[in-house]
Amino acid sequence: MKLKTSVVLSVMMFLQYYVWGSWYVTMGTFMTKVLNATGIQIGAAYSALAIATMISPFFVGMIADRFFAAQRVMGILHIIGAILLFMASKITTNSAFYWVIMLYSLAYMPTIALSNSVAFRQMSDPGKQFPLVRVFGTVGWVISGFMIALFGIEQTPGTFTMAALISAGLGFYSFFLPDTPPQAKSPSSARSVMGVDAFVLFRDKPYLIFFIAAIFVCIPLSFYFGFANLFLNQAGMQNAAGKMVMGQISEALFILAIPFLFNRIGVKNMVLIGMTAWLARYLCFAFGDMGPNVWMLYTGIILHGVCYDFFFVTGYMYTEKKSNERIKSASQGLFTFVTYGLGMFIGTWFSGFTTAYYTVEGVYQWRSIWMVPAYIAVAVLILFIFFFKEKREIGIAK
């Protein structure tokens, strides 16, 4: 891959995740401050992205891959997305906001697969080249957090306005990306999109236990994405969105250690470390404050790298190693569909109802709220300790 192409693709990834990071982390805070939303309404808004995650593979696999050049579809969707984000910045009612975010999510989520497709098709060695391009996506997310803090728009509609401007720019930029014509001669079936062929993996008890745990872990993840920024703002942390990028930096750093540790300590120990980190994070949030225990709040943020990488990244690698060549694509599709789709859908609604339950006269009882995902982390820990018994450790081929 030529250096020019690498730069073009890196800019694409930077903008792709800059857009997402611009509004996603702070949406709960915006809804509370501007729309006077309840916990249930915040959870519902975040569930829109999970619904879109379940629907978008059908669009990409059955339509985009067969009939249209990926970069053109991506451009059109981002321009539509820019219009919807601008509309979101002007809305003053929760019901209208929900439907705009739903429509936007349906436009945005397919662009993740499309951007990956554009990148992969230009690479001679995707295994080595893709991570170097994809890392700019994480950089984009981090920079978006810094820009929110710099402009002081964390609790305002300005986050959506900024996201709209970047989305429009990325939409037009997409038309100048390397041509990526459709390759599929026939549309993907619903069976292949949902990864039904990978159901054979459930005959393996360790993987079945892991899979069930993955769904439950999406609940603590939903609490963090949906309510951490709101919590930190209400706790009195200045520029909370800017501080939260430490979690993304942590994620980028810890991911480098995953291949090394995967071979040496095994799947079970990695997941146990990850779940222990989830427990520690929510205990830190439950008992931290902006006084003597402020270190607990920062620890809870920084632990994001261990929480996310040691479970979800490990999960993709574990799924890869458990699958034979015939079902590799199906198994990864199934894991994504069930975690980021079904799991996050359950998690967003559950977190929304939990925060609403622990709201007294409009005041969130944060200690009680954060103890709920802590208890779930304990339950998954117990599940793994007593029921996950891999007959032989699975490592990465060297």
Protein backbone atom coordinates (compact mmCIF):
# COMPACT_ATOMS: atom_id res chain seq x y z
CA MET A 1 0.00 0.00 0.00
CA LYS A 2 1.36 3.39 -1.01
CA LEU A 3 2.05 6.07 1.59
CA LYS A 4 -0.51 8.42 -0.03
CA THR A 5 -3.22 5.76 0.22
CA SER A 6 -2.29 5.08 3.83
CA VAL A 7 -2.63 8.78 4.68
CA VAL A 8 -5.99 9.03 2.90
CA LEU A 9 -7.35 6.00 4.78
CA SER A 10 -5.97 7.22 8.11
CA VAL A 11 -7.77 10.56 7.69
CA MET A 12 -10.95 8.63 6.87
CA MET A 13 -10.66 6.59 10.10
CA PHE A 14 -9.84 9.70 12.13
CA LEU A 15 -12.98 11.49 10.93
CA GLN A 16 -15.16 8.35 11.17
CA TYR A 17 -14.59 7.99 14.90
CA TYR A 18 -14.28 11.71 15.60
CA VAL A 19 -17.93 12.01 14.56
CA TRP A 20 -19.01 9.19 16.88
CA GLY A 21 -16.98 10.42 19.84
CA SER A 22 -18.30 13.97 19.42
CA TRP A 23 -21.83 13.17 20.59
CA TYR A 24 -21.96 9.64 22.02
CA VAL A 25 -20.12 10.10 25.32
CA THR A 26 -21.95 13.29 26.28
CA MET A 27 -25.46 12.48 25.00
CA GLY A 28 -26.76 11.51 28.44
CA THR A 29 -25.53 14.79 29.91
CA PHE A 30 -27.07 16.76 27.02
CA MET A 31 -30.41 14.99 27.44
CA THR A 32 -30.46 15.70 31.17
CA LYS A 33 -29.45 19.36 30.94
CA VAL A 34 -31.30 20.39 27.78
CA LEU A 35 -34.20 17.93 27.45
CA ASN A 36 -34.76 17.17 31.16
CA ALA A 37 -34.67 13.48 30.27
CA THR A 38 -35.22 10.64 32.71
CA GLY A 39 -32.89 7.65 33.04
CA ILE A 40 -35.30 5.55 30.95
CA GLN A 41 -35.29 8.12 28.15
CA ILE A 42 -31.49 8.25 28.16
CA GLY A 43 -31.30 4.45 28.04
CA ALA A 44 -33.80 4.39 25.17
CA ALA A 45 -31.72 6.88 23.16
CA TYR A 46 -28.58 4.79 23.62
CA SER A 47 -30.50 1.65 22.64
CA ALA A 48 -31.00 3.18 19.18
CA LEU A 49 -27.37 2.47 18.34
CA ALA A 50 -27.76 -1.16 19.46
CA ILE A 51 -30.82 -1.56 17.24
CA ALA A 52 -28.89 -0.07 14.33
CA THR A 53 -26.02 -2.48 15.04
CA MET A 54 -28.42 -5.41 14.58
CA ILE A 55 -29.94 -3.98 11.39
CA SER A 56 -26.89 -2.54 9.58
CA PRO A 57 -25.27 -5.90 8.65
CA PHE A 58 -28.38 -6.73 6.62
CA PHE A 59 -28.07 -3.44 4.71
CA VAL A 60 -24.35 -3.86 4.07
CA GLY A 61 -24.45 -7.58 3.27
CA MET A 62 -27.63 -7.68 1.21
CA ILE A 63 -27.57 -4.32 -0.58
CA ALA A 64 -24.37 -2.25 -0.37
CA ASP A 65 -21.93 -5.11 -1.02
CA ARG A 66 -23.88 -6.18 -4.09
CA PHE A 67 -24.94 -3.05 -5.92
CA PHE A 68 -22.92 0.04 -4.93
CA ALA A 69 -19.37 1.29 -4.51
CA ALA A 70 -18.63 1.37 -0.78
CA GLN A 71 -17.14 4.87 -0.71
CA ARG A 72 -20.19 6.39 -2.43
CA VAL A 73 -22.68 4.76 -0.09
CA MET A 74 -20.53 5.88 2.82
CA GLY A 75 -20.50 9.47 1.52
CA ILE A 76 -24.27 9.62 1.09
CA LEU A 77 -24.91 8.14 4.55
CA HIS A 78 -22.58 10.62 6.25
CA ILE A 79 -24.23 13.58 4.52
CA ILE A 80 -27.65 12.30 5.60
CA GLY A 81 -26.17 11.78 9.06
CA ALA A 82 -24.94 15.40 9.15
CA ILE A 83 -28.47 16.65 8.47
CA LEU A 84 -29.89 14.44 11.23
CA LEU A 85 -27.21 15.51 13.72
CA PHE A 86 -27.96 19.15 12.99
CA MET A 87 -31.66 18.42 13.57
CA ALA A 88 -30.76 16.72 16.88
CA SER A 89 -29.05 19.92 18.04
CA LYS A 90 -32.29 21.89 17.55
CA ILE A 91 -34.80 19.46 19.09
CA THR A 92 -36.40 20.29 22.43
CA THR A 93 -38.51 17.18 23.15
CA ASN A 94 -37.35 13.68 24.12
CA SER A 95 -39.75 11.82 21.82
CA ALA A 96 -38.56 13.69 18.71
CA PHE A 97 -34.94 13.37 19.81
CA TYR A 98 -35.26 9.58 20.14
CA TRP A 99 -36.49 9.16 16.57
CA VAL A 100 -33.84 11.46 15.13
CA ILE A 101 -31.11 9.53 16.97
CA MET A 102 -32.65 6.27 15.76
CA LEU A 103 -32.56 7.46 12.14
CA TYR A 104 -29.03 8.78 12.58
CA SER A 105 -27.84 5.49 14.07
CA LEU A 106 -29.33 3.61 11.11
CA ALA A 107 -27.34 5.91 8.82
CA TYR A 108 -24.09 5.83 10.80
CA MET A 109 -23.62 2.19 11.81
CA PRO A 110 -23.32 0.80 8.25
CA THR A 111 -20.47 3.27 7.62
CA ILE A 112 -18.26 1.42 10.11
CA ALA A 113 -18.34 -1.74 7.99
CA LEU A 114 -18.10 0.32 4.80
CA SER A 115 -15.03 2.24 6.02
CA ASN A 116 -13.39 -1.06 6.97
CA SER A 117 -14.23 -2.44 3.52
CA VAL A 118 -12.68 0.59 1.78
CA ALA A 119 -9.53 0.19 3.87
CA PHE A 120 -9.15 -3.58 3.48
CA ARG A 121 -9.56 -3.47 -0.30
CA GLN A 122 -6.55 -1.15 -0.66
CA MET A 123 -4.21 -3.25 1.48
CA SER A 124 -1.77 -5.92 0.38
CA ASP A 125 -1.31 -7.23 3.94
CA PRO A 126 -4.36 -6.24 6.04
CA GLY A 127 -3.10 -8.12 9.10
CA LYS A 128 -0.15 -5.74 9.40
CA GLN A 129 -1.48 -2.62 7.68
CA PHE A 130 -5.03 -2.30 9.04
CA PRO A 131 -4.09 -1.74 12.72
CA LEU A 132 -1.81 1.14 11.70
CA VAL A 133 -4.74 2.79 9.92
CA ARG A 134 -7.44 1.86 12.46
CA VAL A 135 -5.50 3.39 15.36
CA PHE A 136 -6.27 6.81 13.88
CA GLY A 137 -9.91 6.09 14.65
CA THR A 138 -9.04 5.92 18.34
CA VAL A 139 -7.02 9.13 17.93
CA GLY A 140 -10.09 10.78 16.39
CA TRP A 141 -12.27 9.75 19.34
CA VAL A 142 -9.66 11.09 21.79
CA ILE A 143 -9.29 14.41 19.95
CA SER A 144 -13.07 14.88 19.85
CA GLY A 145 -13.11 14.71 23.65
CA PHE A 146 -10.36 17.31 23.88
CA MET A 147 -12.19 19.61 21.45
CA ILE A 148 -15.43 19.34 23.45
CA ALA A 149 -13.49 20.47 26.52
CA LEU A 150 -11.67 23.21 24.58
CA PHE A 151 -14.88 24.72 23.21
CA GLY A 152 -16.79 24.26 26.48
CA ILE A 153 -19.76 22.58 24.75
CA GLU A 154 -20.02 19.43 26.86
CA GLN A 155 -23.49 20.17 28.25
CA THR A 156 -24.85 21.95 25.19
CA PRO A 157 -26.26 21.10 21.73
CA GLY A 158 -22.87 22.19 20.40
CA THR A 159 -21.61 18.60 20.53
CA PHE A 160 -24.16 17.62 17.88
CA THR A 161 -23.39 20.70 15.80
CA MET A 162 -19.68 19.84 15.82
CA ALA A 163 -20.47 16.22 14.92
CA ALA A 164 -22.73 17.42 12.08
CA LEU A 165 -19.99 19.61 10.58
CA ILE A 166 -17.42 16.80 10.70
CA SER A 167 -19.95 14.30 9.32
CA ALA A 168 -20.70 16.58 6.38
CA GLY A 169 -16.97 16.99 5.72
CA LEU A 170 -16.44 13.23 5.87
CA GLY A 171 -19.40 12.71 3.56
CA PHE A 172 -17.86 14.85 0.82
CA TYR A 173 -14.37 13.46 1.55
CA SER A 174 -15.71 9.93 1.04
CA PHE A 175 -16.38 10.58 -2.66
CA PHE A 176 -12.64 11.10 -3.13
CA LEU A 177 -11.62 7.88 -1.40
CA PRO A 178 -10.11 5.03 -3.45
CA ASP A 179 -12.76 3.36 -5.60
CA THR A 180 -14.21 0.28 -3.90
CA PRO A 181 -16.70 -1.32 -6.31
CA PRO A 182 -19.14 -4.03 -5.16
CA GLN A 183 -17.73 -7.54 -5.15
CA ALA A 184 -20.53 -9.77 -3.97
CA LYS A 185 -22.17 -11.61 -6.87
CA SER A 186 -25.17 -12.54 -4.74
CA PRO A 187 -26.64 -10.92 -1.63
CA SER A 188 -25.75 -12.26 1.79
CA SER A 189 -28.53 -14.25 3.41
CA ALA A 190 -30.07 -13.40 6.77
CA ARG A 191 -28.54 -16.66 7.98
CA SER A 192 -25.01 -15.56 7.10
CA VAL A 193 -25.49 -12.01 8.40
CA MET A 194 -26.62 -13.27 11.82
CA GLY A 195 -23.88 -15.91 11.94
CA VAL A 196 -26.31 -18.81 12.31
CA ASP A 197 -23.72 -21.23 10.92
CA ALA A 198 -21.59 -20.51 14.00
CA PHE A 199 -24.24 -21.92 16.38
CA VAL A 200 -22.22 -25.12 16.25
CA LEU A 201 -19.78 -23.43 18.66
CA PHE A 202 -22.40 -23.70 21.42
CA ARG A 203 -21.73 -27.43 21.58
CA ASP A 204 -18.48 -26.41 23.23
CA LYS A 205 -19.40 -25.75 26.88
CA PRO A 206 -16.53 -23.31 27.65
CA TYR A 207 -17.46 -21.17 24.67
CA LEU A 208 -21.16 -21.28 25.59
CA ILE A 209 -20.30 -20.04 29.10
CA PHE A 210 -18.15 -17.28 27.60
CA PHE A 211 -20.91 -16.30 25.19
CA ILE A 212 -23.52 -16.00 27.95
CA ALA A 213 -21.08 -13.95 30.02
CA ALA A 214 -20.45 -11.64 27.03
CA ILE A 215 -24.15 -10.72 26.90
CA PHE A 216 -24.23 -9.93 30.62
CA VAL A 217 -21.02 -7.86 30.45
CA CYS A 218 -22.76 -5.54 27.99
CA ILE A 219 -24.87 -4.32 30.92
CA PRO A 220 -21.92 -2.78 32.84
CA LEU A 221 -20.59 -1.42 29.53
CA SER A 222 -23.93 0.29 28.89
CA PHE A 223 -23.87 1.93 32.32
CA TYR A 224 -20.47 3.45 31.52
CA PHE A 225 -21.28 4.74 28.04
CA GLY A 226 -24.73 6.00 29.00
CA PHE A 227 -24.18 7.58 32.40
CA ALA A 228 -20.49 8.02 33.28
CA ASN A 229 -20.22 11.49 31.73
CA LEU A 230 -23.41 12.67 33.43
CA PHE A 231 -22.19 11.26 36.75
CA LEU A 232 -18.78 12.94 36.51
CA ASN A 233 -20.38 16.28 35.64
CA GLN A 234 -22.77 16.04 38.57
CA ALA A 235 -19.87 15.04 40.83
CA GLY A 236 -18.27 18.37 39.96
CA MET A 237 -15.52 17.29 37.55
CA GLN A 238 -14.62 20.09 35.16
CA ASN A 239 -14.34 19.17 31.45
CA ALA A 240 -15.36 15.58 32.20
CA ALA A 241 -15.48 14.64 28.49
CA GLY A 242 -11.86 15.73 28.11
CA LYS A 243 -10.86 13.72 31.18
CA MET A 244 -12.70 10.64 29.91
CA VAL A 245 -10.41 10.38 26.89
CA MET A 246 -7.90 8.88 29.33
CA GLY A 247 -10.08 5.78 29.06
CA GLN A 248 -9.65 5.65 25.27
CA ILE A 249 -5.89 6.21 25.62
CA SER A 250 -5.81 3.37 28.14
CA GLU A 251 -7.74 1.19 25.68
CA ALA A 252 -5.25 1.91 22.90
CA LEU A 253 -2.28 1.08 25.15
CA PHE A 254 -3.67 -2.11 26.69
CA ILE A 255 -4.68 -3.52 23.33
CA LEU A 256 -0.98 -3.79 22.51
CA ALA A 257 -0.55 -6.18 25.44
CA ILE A 258 -3.45 -8.47 24.51
CA PRO A 259 -1.64 -10.75 21.99
CA PHE A 260 1.28 -11.19 24.42
CA LEU A 261 -0.94 -12.04 27.40
CA PHE A 262 -3.38 -14.19 25.41
CA ASN A 263 -0.69 -16.81 24.88
CA ARG A 264 0.82 -16.64 28.35
CA ILE A 265 -2.01 -16.45 30.86
CA GLY A 266 -4.92 -17.87 28.87
CA VAL A 267 -8.48 -16.82 28.15
CA LYS A 268 -9.91 -17.54 31.59
CA ASN A 269 -7.34 -15.48 33.46
CA MET A 270 -7.66 -12.59 31.01
CA VAL A 271 -11.43 -12.51 31.40
CA LEU A 272 -11.10 -12.72 35.19
CA ILE A 273 -8.73 -9.74 35.12
CA GLY A 274 -11.20 -7.86 32.93
CA MET A 275 -14.18 -8.63 35.18
CA THR A 276 -12.20 -7.70 38.29
CA ALA A 277 -11.47 -4.38 36.60
CA TRP A 278 -15.20 -3.87 35.91
CA LEU A 279 -15.90 -4.48 39.61
CA ALA A 280 -13.11 -2.14 40.71
CA ARG A 281 -14.28 0.58 38.29
CA TYR A 282 -17.82 0.70 39.63
CA LEU A 283 -16.70 0.53 43.24
CA CYS A 284 -14.47 3.52 42.45
CA PHE A 285 -17.42 5.38 40.94
CA ALA A 286 -19.70 4.41 43.85
CA PHE A 287 -17.34 5.65 46.57
CA GLY A 288 -15.33 8.31 44.73
CA ASP A 289 -15.87 12.06 44.97
CA MET A 290 -14.17 15.33 44.06
CA GLY A 291 -12.66 15.55 47.54
CA PRO A 292 -10.09 13.18 49.07
CA ASN A 293 -11.36 10.30 46.92
CA VAL A 294 -10.98 12.03 43.56
CA TRP A 295 -8.31 9.45 42.67
CA MET A 296 -11.07 6.85 42.60
CA LEU A 297 -12.91 8.72 39.84
CA TYR A 298 -9.78 8.93 37.70
CA THR A 299 -9.01 5.26 38.38
CA GLY A 300 -12.52 4.34 37.23
CA ILE A 301 -11.91 6.20 33.95
CA ILE A 302 -8.44 4.78 33.30
CA LEU A 303 -9.61 1.21 33.98
CA HIS A 304 -11.63 1.39 30.75
CA GLY A 305 -8.71 -0.09 28.82
CA VAL A 306 -8.54 -3.20 31.02
CA CYS A 307 -12.34 -3.52 31.22
CA TYR A 308 -12.87 -3.32 27.47
CA ASP A 309 -9.78 -4.96 26.02
CA PHE A 310 -9.52 -7.86 28.44
CA PHE A 311 -13.06 -8.96 27.69
CA PHE A 312 -14.24 -7.79 24.28
CA VAL A 313 -10.95 -7.85 22.36
CA THR A 314 -10.09 -11.14 24.04
CA GLY A 315 -13.57 -12.34 23.06
CA TYR A 316 -12.96 -11.71 19.36
CA MET A 317 -9.62 -13.53 19.56
CA TYR A 318 -11.13 -16.44 21.50
CA THR A 319 -13.95 -16.71 18.96
CA GLU A 320 -11.41 -16.67 16.12
CA LYS A 321 -9.38 -19.51 17.65
CA LYS A 322 -12.46 -21.61 18.41
CA SER A 323 -13.73 -21.40 14.82
CA ASN A 324 -12.68 -23.46 11.84
CA GLU A 325 -12.13 -21.83 8.45
CA ARG A 326 -15.70 -22.53 7.30
CA ILE A 327 -17.37 -20.56 10.09
CA LYS A 328 -14.79 -17.87 10.98
CA SER A 329 -16.74 -15.02 9.38
CA ALA A 330 -20.05 -16.32 10.72
CA SER A 331 -18.70 -16.64 14.26
CA GLN A 332 -17.32 -13.10 14.33
CA GLY A 333 -20.60 -11.82 12.91
CA LEU A 334 -22.53 -13.70 15.59
CA PHE A 335 -20.33 -12.34 18.39
CA THR A 336 -20.77 -8.76 17.14
CA PHE A 337 -24.51 -9.16 16.58
CA VAL A 338 -25.14 -10.55 20.05
CA THR A 339 -22.81 -8.26 22.05
CA TYR A 340 -22.96 -4.84 20.41
CA GLY A 341 -26.49 -5.51 19.17
CA LEU A 342 -28.60 -7.66 21.49
CA GLY A 343 -26.37 -7.29 24.57
CA MET A 344 -26.12 -3.51 24.33
CA PHE A 345 -29.86 -3.27 23.63
CA ILE A 346 -30.58 -5.14 26.87
CA GLY A 347 -27.87 -3.16 28.68
CA THR A 348 -29.04 0.29 27.61
CA TRP A 349 -32.62 -0.35 28.65
CA PHE A 350 -31.58 -2.03 31.90
CA SER A 351 -29.26 0.85 32.81
CA GLY A 352 -32.00 3.34 31.97
CA PHE A 353 -34.57 1.63 34.20
CA THR A 354 -31.99 1.27 36.99
CA THR A 355 -31.11 4.96 37.03
CA ALA A 356 -34.79 5.87 36.94
CA TYR A 357 -35.47 3.53 39.88
CA TYR A 358 -32.68 5.15 41.91
CA THR A 359 -33.80 8.71 41.20
CA VAL A 360 -35.41 10.53 44.13
CA GLU A 361 -37.10 13.88 43.42
CA GLY A 362 -34.99 14.33 40.29
CA VAL A 363 -31.70 13.49 42.04
CA TYR A 364 -29.70 10.43 40.94
CA GLN A 365 -28.57 8.19 43.81
CA TRP A 366 -25.24 7.43 42.17
CA ARG A 367 -23.83 5.09 44.81
CA SER A 368 -26.83 2.79 44.52
CA ILE A 369 -26.75 3.04 40.72
CA TRP A 370 -23.09 2.09 40.37
CA MET A 371 -23.43 -0.85 42.75
CA VAL A 372 -25.80 -2.55 40.28
CA PRO A 373 -23.18 -3.08 37.50
CA ALA A 374 -20.70 -3.97 40.27
CA TYR A 375 -22.99 -6.81 41.38
CA ILE A 376 -23.35 -7.97 37.77
CA ALA A 377 -19.55 -8.04 37.43
CA VAL A 378 -19.39 -10.21 40.57
CA ALA A 379 -21.99 -12.58 39.08
CA VAL A 380 -19.97 -12.98 35.87
CA LEU A 381 -16.81 -13.52 37.92
CA ILE A 382 -18.50 -16.34 39.84
CA LEU A 383 -19.83 -17.82 36.59
CA PHE A 384 -16.32 -17.94 35.14
CA ILE A 385 -14.55 -19.19 38.22
CA PHE A 386 -16.84 -22.18 38.70
CA PHE A 387 -18.12 -23.06 35.23
CA PHE A 388 -15.51 -22.03 32.63
CA LYS A 389 -13.15 -24.98 32.32
CA GLU A 390 -11.13 -25.00 29.12
CA LYS A 391 -9.54 -28.42 28.56
CA ARG A 392 -6.53 -26.85 26.89
CA GLU A 393 -5.41 -23.27 26.58
CA ILE A 394 -5.86 -21.65 23.21
CA GLY A 395 -3.12 -19.36 22.02
CA ILE A 396 -2.25 -17.28 19.01
CA ALA A 397 -0.26 -19.02 16.36
CA LYS A 398 3.26 -17.70 16.21
